[in-house]
Amino acid sequence: MPASSPPTARVVRIVEMLAAAMQPKTVSEIAASTGISRATATAVVNELEAAGWVARDDELRYRIGASLPRAVDTSMPREAQQLLARIAAEAQAGATISCISAKALTVVAKAQAGRRAVTGFAVGQSIPLAFPAGSAVMPWRAAEEREQWLGTAAGLSARSGQRLLQQVSDCGYVVYRPDHDDTGMVDLLSDLLGSVGSEVMEAALRERLLRQLSRLTSRPYSRDELTSDEVLPISYLAAPIFDGAEARYELQLGPLLPRATRVVWETLIATLTRGARELSGVLGDR
C-alpha cells in the first residue's frame, strides 16, 4: 500500500534541484528536471511550501524558502579575517560579519578590540531576524523580503519603515542607540554574557538575554539626530557588505558607548563604511 506522504528520496531530489537552480521553477519544470511525475512533484512542493521550505511566487514558480534548515557557510577568507581584525582595532570595538537571510542573522566572523568582548554571539550562531536588525542590507533586498522584515516591527508605521530604508540606502549605514537611554541595563547584560560565556550558557537563557540586549540596543538614529552636536549613546553601527551585486552580509561594530561626541561617532562611521567597502572587495572576488 503506498505511503500517504511523498517518499523522502523525491523530497531530497526536489530540494537539491531548487537549491542549485539560478531562478524559480514551475511544477512542470521541477518534474522534468527530476524525472518525478507532475502529480508527485505537486504533492511534494505543497508539503514543502506548508513547512516554509520552499516559497511560491506570483507566477506559480518555486524557490528555496527561508525556513529550510541549512548550514550557513561561516568560512571567511583569511584576508577578510585579517581585515576584520584591523577594523576592530581601528574602532576599538568588537566587530562582526553577519550573514542576513530572510529570517535569521548568523554570525560568520568576529574580531575583538577595546574594553569589551563581542557581546553574546559565537561564530555560527543564528538568531531570528526582526526589525531593525538587518537594516543595513534591506534596501538591497527583494520587495517581498523587505515587507516581511517590516512586518516584524511592532507598532511601526509603513511610512517610518520606508523612511529608515531610504535613509540607509542614501547613507550606506545605520547607527543604533539604546532604547529609553537604558545604558546601565545594556552594560549589565553585556557584562553578564561576557563573564558567563554565551557558548556555554544554557540555550534558552542565552536566547532570552540576546533578545533583550537586541531590544535595548536597537533604536536607529535618524539622519537629523546624527547631525547634532549633542553627546549621544551609541550601541551598534552596521553597513552592508556586497558579495557581487548582492548585499548578503553586514559589518557590525559594537562600541556600546553611553556617551559619544559627534567626532567619535563620525570617526566610527568612517571606519565602518571604509571597512565594509574593503570587505566587499575581498568577498566579491572569491
Protein backbone atom coordinates (compact mmCIF):
# COMPACT_ATOMS: atom_id res chain seq x y z
CA MET A 1 0.00 0.00 0.00
CA PRO A 2 1.50 3.38 -0.97
CA ALA A 3 2.68 5.73 1.73
CA SER A 4 0.47 8.72 2.49
CA SER A 5 3.35 11.18 2.11
CA PRO A 6 5.87 11.55 -0.77
CA PRO A 7 8.94 9.33 -0.40
CA THR A 8 11.90 11.03 1.22
CA ALA A 9 14.18 10.46 -1.79
CA ARG A 10 11.87 12.50 -4.02
CA VAL A 11 11.71 15.31 -1.48
CA VAL A 12 15.51 15.39 -1.38
CA ARG A 13 15.77 15.46 -5.18
CA ILE A 14 13.39 18.41 -5.44
CA VAL A 15 15.08 20.36 -2.65
CA GLU A 16 18.52 19.74 -4.17
CA MET A 17 17.30 20.82 -7.60
CA LEU A 18 15.76 24.05 -6.31
CA ALA A 19 18.83 24.81 -4.19
CA ALA A 20 21.04 24.56 -7.28
CA ALA A 21 18.66 26.46 -9.58
CA MET A 22 19.55 30.01 -10.59
CA GLN A 23 15.88 31.03 -10.79
CA PRO A 24 12.49 29.79 -9.51
CA LYS A 25 10.91 26.78 -11.22
CA THR A 26 7.33 25.79 -12.06
CA VAL A 27 5.96 22.39 -11.07
CA SER A 28 6.32 21.26 -14.69
CA GLU A 29 9.97 22.32 -14.73
CA ILE A 30 10.58 20.61 -11.39
CA ALA A 31 9.01 17.39 -12.66
CA ALA A 32 11.00 17.48 -15.90
CA SER A 33 14.31 18.21 -14.14
CA THR A 34 13.93 15.50 -11.51
CA GLY A 35 12.14 12.81 -13.52
CA ILE A 36 9.32 12.81 -10.96
CA SER A 37 5.70 12.75 -12.10
CA ARG A 38 3.88 16.07 -12.08
CA ALA A 39 1.35 14.76 -9.54
CA THR A 40 4.08 13.68 -7.13
CA ALA A 41 6.03 16.90 -7.67
CA THR A 42 2.89 18.88 -6.86
CA ALA A 43 2.33 16.88 -3.67
CA VAL A 44 5.95 17.39 -2.61
CA VAL A 45 6.07 21.15 -3.21
CA ASN A 46 2.73 21.61 -1.44
CA GLU A 47 4.15 19.94 1.66
CA LEU A 48 7.41 21.88 1.39
CA GLU A 49 5.56 25.17 0.97
CA ALA A 50 3.41 24.47 4.03
CA ALA A 51 6.61 23.95 6.04
CA GLY A 52 8.24 27.07 4.64
CA TRP A 53 10.98 25.02 2.95
CA VAL A 54 10.01 26.39 -0.46
CA ALA A 55 8.24 29.60 -1.42
CA ARG A 56 5.91 30.21 -4.37
CA ASP A 57 5.87 33.49 -6.27
CA ASP A 58 3.01 35.20 -8.14
CA GLU A 59 3.86 33.26 -11.31
CA LEU A 60 3.45 29.91 -9.51
CA ARG A 61 7.19 29.26 -9.53
CA TYR A 62 9.03 27.76 -6.57
CA ARG A 63 12.33 28.60 -4.92
CA ILE A 64 14.03 27.59 -1.68
CA GLY A 65 12.19 29.06 1.30
CA ALA A 66 13.53 30.86 4.34
CA SER A 67 12.60 28.09 6.81
CA LEU A 68 14.63 25.33 5.17
CA PRO A 69 17.20 24.11 7.72
CA ARG A 70 20.60 24.70 6.25
CA ALA A 71 24.19 25.09 7.25
CA VAL A 72 25.38 28.66 6.84
CA ASP A 73 28.86 28.92 5.39
CA THR A 74 30.82 30.50 8.22
CA SER A 75 34.17 30.21 6.49
CA MET A 76 35.76 33.54 5.70
CA PRO A 77 38.87 34.06 3.58
CA ARG A 78 41.99 34.75 5.63
CA GLU A 79 42.20 38.20 4.06
CA ALA A 80 38.68 39.00 5.30
CA GLN A 81 39.50 37.77 8.82
CA GLN A 82 42.64 39.90 8.91
CA LEU A 83 40.75 42.91 7.59
CA LEU A 84 38.04 42.46 10.22
CA ALA A 85 40.69 42.40 12.96
CA ARG A 86 42.15 45.63 11.61
CA ILE A 87 38.70 47.28 11.53
CA ALA A 88 38.06 46.25 15.15
CA ALA A 89 41.43 47.67 16.19
CA GLU A 90 40.76 50.97 14.42
CA ALA A 91 37.32 51.26 16.01
CA GLN A 92 38.47 49.94 19.40
CA ALA A 93 35.26 47.93 19.43
CA GLY A 94 34.10 44.40 18.77
CA ALA A 95 33.39 43.76 15.09
CA THR A 96 31.33 41.05 13.44
CA ILE A 97 30.37 39.96 9.96
CA SER A 98 26.86 38.51 9.85
CA CYS A 99 25.06 36.73 7.04
CA ILE A 100 21.50 38.03 6.77
CA SER A 101 18.88 35.64 5.40
CA ALA A 102 15.16 36.29 5.14
CA LYS A 103 14.52 35.02 8.67
CA ALA A 104 17.83 34.85 10.52
CA LEU A 105 21.05 36.67 11.32
CA THR A 106 24.07 34.36 11.53
CA VAL A 107 27.49 35.45 12.76
CA VAL A 108 30.17 34.25 10.33
CA ALA A 109 33.23 36.08 11.71
CA LYS A 110 34.16 38.25 14.66
CA ALA A 111 37.15 40.17 15.98
CA GLN A 112 37.78 41.84 19.30
CA ALA A 113 39.33 45.13 20.35
CA GLY A 114 38.57 47.66 23.03
CA ARG A 115 37.24 47.23 26.51
CA ARG A 116 34.61 44.53 25.97
CA ALA A 117 34.36 41.25 24.10
CA VAL A 118 31.94 40.91 21.22
CA THR A 119 28.77 40.53 23.20
CA GLY A 120 26.94 37.27 23.30
CA PHE A 121 27.47 35.89 19.83
CA ALA A 122 29.58 32.93 18.76
CA VAL A 123 30.62 32.31 15.16
CA GLY A 124 27.94 30.14 13.57
CA GLN A 125 25.23 31.29 15.99
CA SER A 126 21.91 32.40 14.50
CA ILE A 127 19.10 34.46 15.94
CA PRO A 128 15.70 35.19 14.37
CA LEU A 129 15.77 38.31 12.20
CA ALA A 130 13.44 41.05 13.37
CA PHE A 131 13.29 44.80 12.72
CA PRO A 132 15.52 46.78 12.97
CA ALA A 133 18.29 44.13 12.85
CA GLY A 134 19.31 43.73 9.23
CA SER A 135 18.55 47.37 8.39
CA ALA A 136 21.89 47.78 6.63
CA VAL A 137 21.10 45.22 3.91
CA MET A 138 17.33 45.56 3.49
CA PRO A 139 17.30 48.40 0.91
CA TRP A 140 19.00 45.98 -1.50
CA ARG A 141 16.71 43.01 -0.84
CA ALA A 142 13.60 41.98 -2.78
CA ALA A 143 10.38 43.85 -2.03
CA GLU A 144 8.77 40.70 -0.59
CA GLU A 145 11.64 40.24 1.86
CA ARG A 146 11.54 43.91 2.90
CA GLU A 147 7.81 43.72 3.58
CA GLN A 148 8.25 40.55 5.64
CA TRP A 149 11.00 42.25 7.65
CA LEU A 150 8.97 45.42 8.22
CA GLY A 151 6.12 43.22 9.42
CA THR A 152 8.21 42.13 12.42
CA ALA A 153 8.23 45.67 13.83
CA ALA A 154 5.52 46.13 16.45
CA GLY A 155 3.77 49.47 16.14
CA LEU A 156 5.89 50.71 13.23
CA SER A 157 4.08 52.72 10.60
CA ALA A 158 4.73 51.93 6.95
CA ARG A 159 5.96 55.49 6.48
CA SER A 160 8.51 55.18 9.30
CA GLY A 161 9.82 51.89 7.96
CA GLN A 162 10.19 53.23 4.43
CA ARG A 163 11.92 56.33 5.80
CA LEU A 164 14.54 54.15 7.50
CA LEU A 165 15.10 52.11 4.34
CA GLN A 166 15.55 55.29 2.31
CA GLN A 167 17.96 56.70 4.89
CA VAL A 168 20.12 53.58 4.83
CA SER A 169 20.03 53.50 1.03
CA ASP A 170 21.20 57.12 0.90
CA CYS A 171 23.82 56.92 3.67
CA GLY A 172 25.07 53.34 3.37
CA TYR A 173 24.99 52.68 7.11
CA VAL A 174 22.80 52.67 10.21
CA VAL A 175 23.66 53.73 13.77
CA TYR A 176 21.75 52.30 16.73
CA ARG A 177 21.25 53.64 20.21
CA PRO A 178 19.99 52.04 23.44
CA ASP A 179 16.25 52.17 23.92
CA HIS A 180 14.99 54.56 26.62
CA ASP A 181 18.57 55.61 27.44
CA ASP A 182 18.92 52.40 29.44
CA THR A 183 22.69 52.18 29.09
CA GLY A 184 23.01 50.74 32.59
CA MET A 185 20.96 47.70 31.62
CA VAL A 186 22.96 47.36 28.40
CA ASP A 187 26.18 47.30 30.40
CA LEU A 188 24.73 44.75 32.83
CA LEU A 189 23.54 42.35 30.13
CA SER A 190 26.78 42.73 28.18
CA ASP A 191 28.90 42.00 31.23
CA LEU A 192 26.72 39.01 32.13
CA LEU A 193 27.04 37.47 28.67
CA GLY A 194 30.74 38.22 28.59
CA SER A 195 31.56 36.83 32.03
CA VAL A 196 29.49 33.64 31.78
CA GLY A 197 30.29 32.96 28.13
CA SER A 198 27.43 32.69 25.68
CA GLU A 199 28.80 29.47 24.19
CA VAL A 200 28.36 27.57 27.47
CA MET A 201 25.24 29.31 28.77
CA GLU A 202 22.01 27.33 28.73
CA ALA A 203 20.49 27.86 25.27
CA ALA A 204 17.08 29.20 26.30
CA LEU A 205 18.58 31.67 28.78
CA ARG A 206 21.16 32.81 26.24
CA GLU A 207 18.45 33.47 23.66
CA ARG A 208 16.38 35.47 26.15
CA LEU A 209 19.38 37.60 27.11
CA LEU A 210 20.33 38.18 23.48
CA ARG A 211 16.79 39.17 22.57
CA GLN A 212 16.67 41.61 25.48
CA LEU A 213 20.06 43.05 24.60
CA SER A 214 19.00 43.41 20.97
CA ARG A 215 15.81 45.22 22.00
CA LEU A 216 17.66 47.60 24.29
CA THR A 217 20.34 48.48 21.76
CA SER A 218 18.38 48.71 18.52
CA ARG A 219 16.69 52.07 18.08
CA PRO A 220 18.05 53.54 14.83
CA TYR A 221 19.14 57.15 14.85
CA SER A 222 17.60 59.44 12.26
CA ARG A 223 19.76 61.43 9.89
CA ASP A 224 18.88 64.66 11.74
CA GLU A 225 19.90 63.21 15.11
CA LEU A 226 23.33 62.35 13.74
CA THR A 227 23.92 65.93 12.58
CA SER A 228 23.52 67.34 16.09
CA ASP A 229 26.39 68.30 18.36
CA GLU A 230 24.82 66.62 21.40
CA VAL A 231 26.58 63.86 23.30
CA LEU A 232 24.72 60.65 22.38
CA PRO A 233 24.78 56.99 23.44
CA ILE A 234 25.93 54.65 20.66
CA SER A 235 25.36 50.92 20.87
CA TYR A 236 25.96 49.46 17.41
CA LEU A 237 26.67 50.52 13.84
CA ALA A 238 26.14 48.44 10.69
CA ALA A 239 26.88 48.72 6.97
CA PRO A 240 26.23 46.39 4.03
CA ILE A 241 28.91 44.12 2.61
CA PHE A 242 28.29 43.28 -1.03
CA ASP A 243 29.07 39.87 -2.49
CA GLY A 244 28.91 40.92 -6.12
CA ALA A 245 25.64 42.83 -6.53
CA GLU A 246 24.01 41.17 -3.51
CA ALA A 247 24.03 42.74 -0.04
CA ARG A 248 24.42 39.39 1.66
CA TYR A 249 26.38 40.40 4.76
CA GLU A 250 26.50 43.14 7.38
CA LEU A 251 29.59 44.55 9.02
CA GLN A 252 28.68 45.44 12.60
CA LEU A 253 30.64 47.44 15.17
CA GLY A 254 29.64 47.32 18.84
CA PRO A 255 31.30 50.15 20.79
CA LEU A 256 28.46 50.25 23.39
CA LEU A 257 29.27 53.83 24.37
CA PRO A 258 26.99 55.52 26.92
CA ARG A 259 28.30 58.94 25.82
CA ALA A 260 29.83 59.73 22.44
CA THR A 261 30.62 63.08 20.86
CA ARG A 262 29.93 63.84 17.21
CA VAL A 263 33.64 63.48 16.44
CA VAL A 264 33.62 59.99 17.96
CA TRP A 265 30.59 58.69 16.09
CA GLU A 266 31.64 60.24 12.79
CA THR A 267 35.03 58.53 13.17
CA LEU A 268 33.26 55.22 13.86
CA ILE A 269 31.04 55.71 10.80
CA ALA A 270 34.09 56.40 8.62
CA THR A 271 35.83 53.27 9.93
CA LEU A 272 32.67 51.21 9.39
CA THR A 273 31.91 52.31 5.85
CA ARG A 274 35.53 52.11 4.70
CA GLY A 275 35.80 48.62 6.19
CA ALA A 276 32.56 47.50 4.54
CA ARG A 277 33.82 48.67 1.14
CA GLU A 278 37.11 46.82 1.60
CA LEU A 279 35.34 43.65 2.74
CA SER A 280 33.02 43.88 -0.28
CA GLY A 281 36.10 43.88 -2.48
CA VAL A 282 37.50 40.81 -0.75
CA LEU A 283 34.27 38.80 -0.67
CA GLY A 284 33.22 39.85 -4.16
CA ASP A 285 36.48 38.46 -5.57
CA ARG A 286 36.00 34.95 -4.16
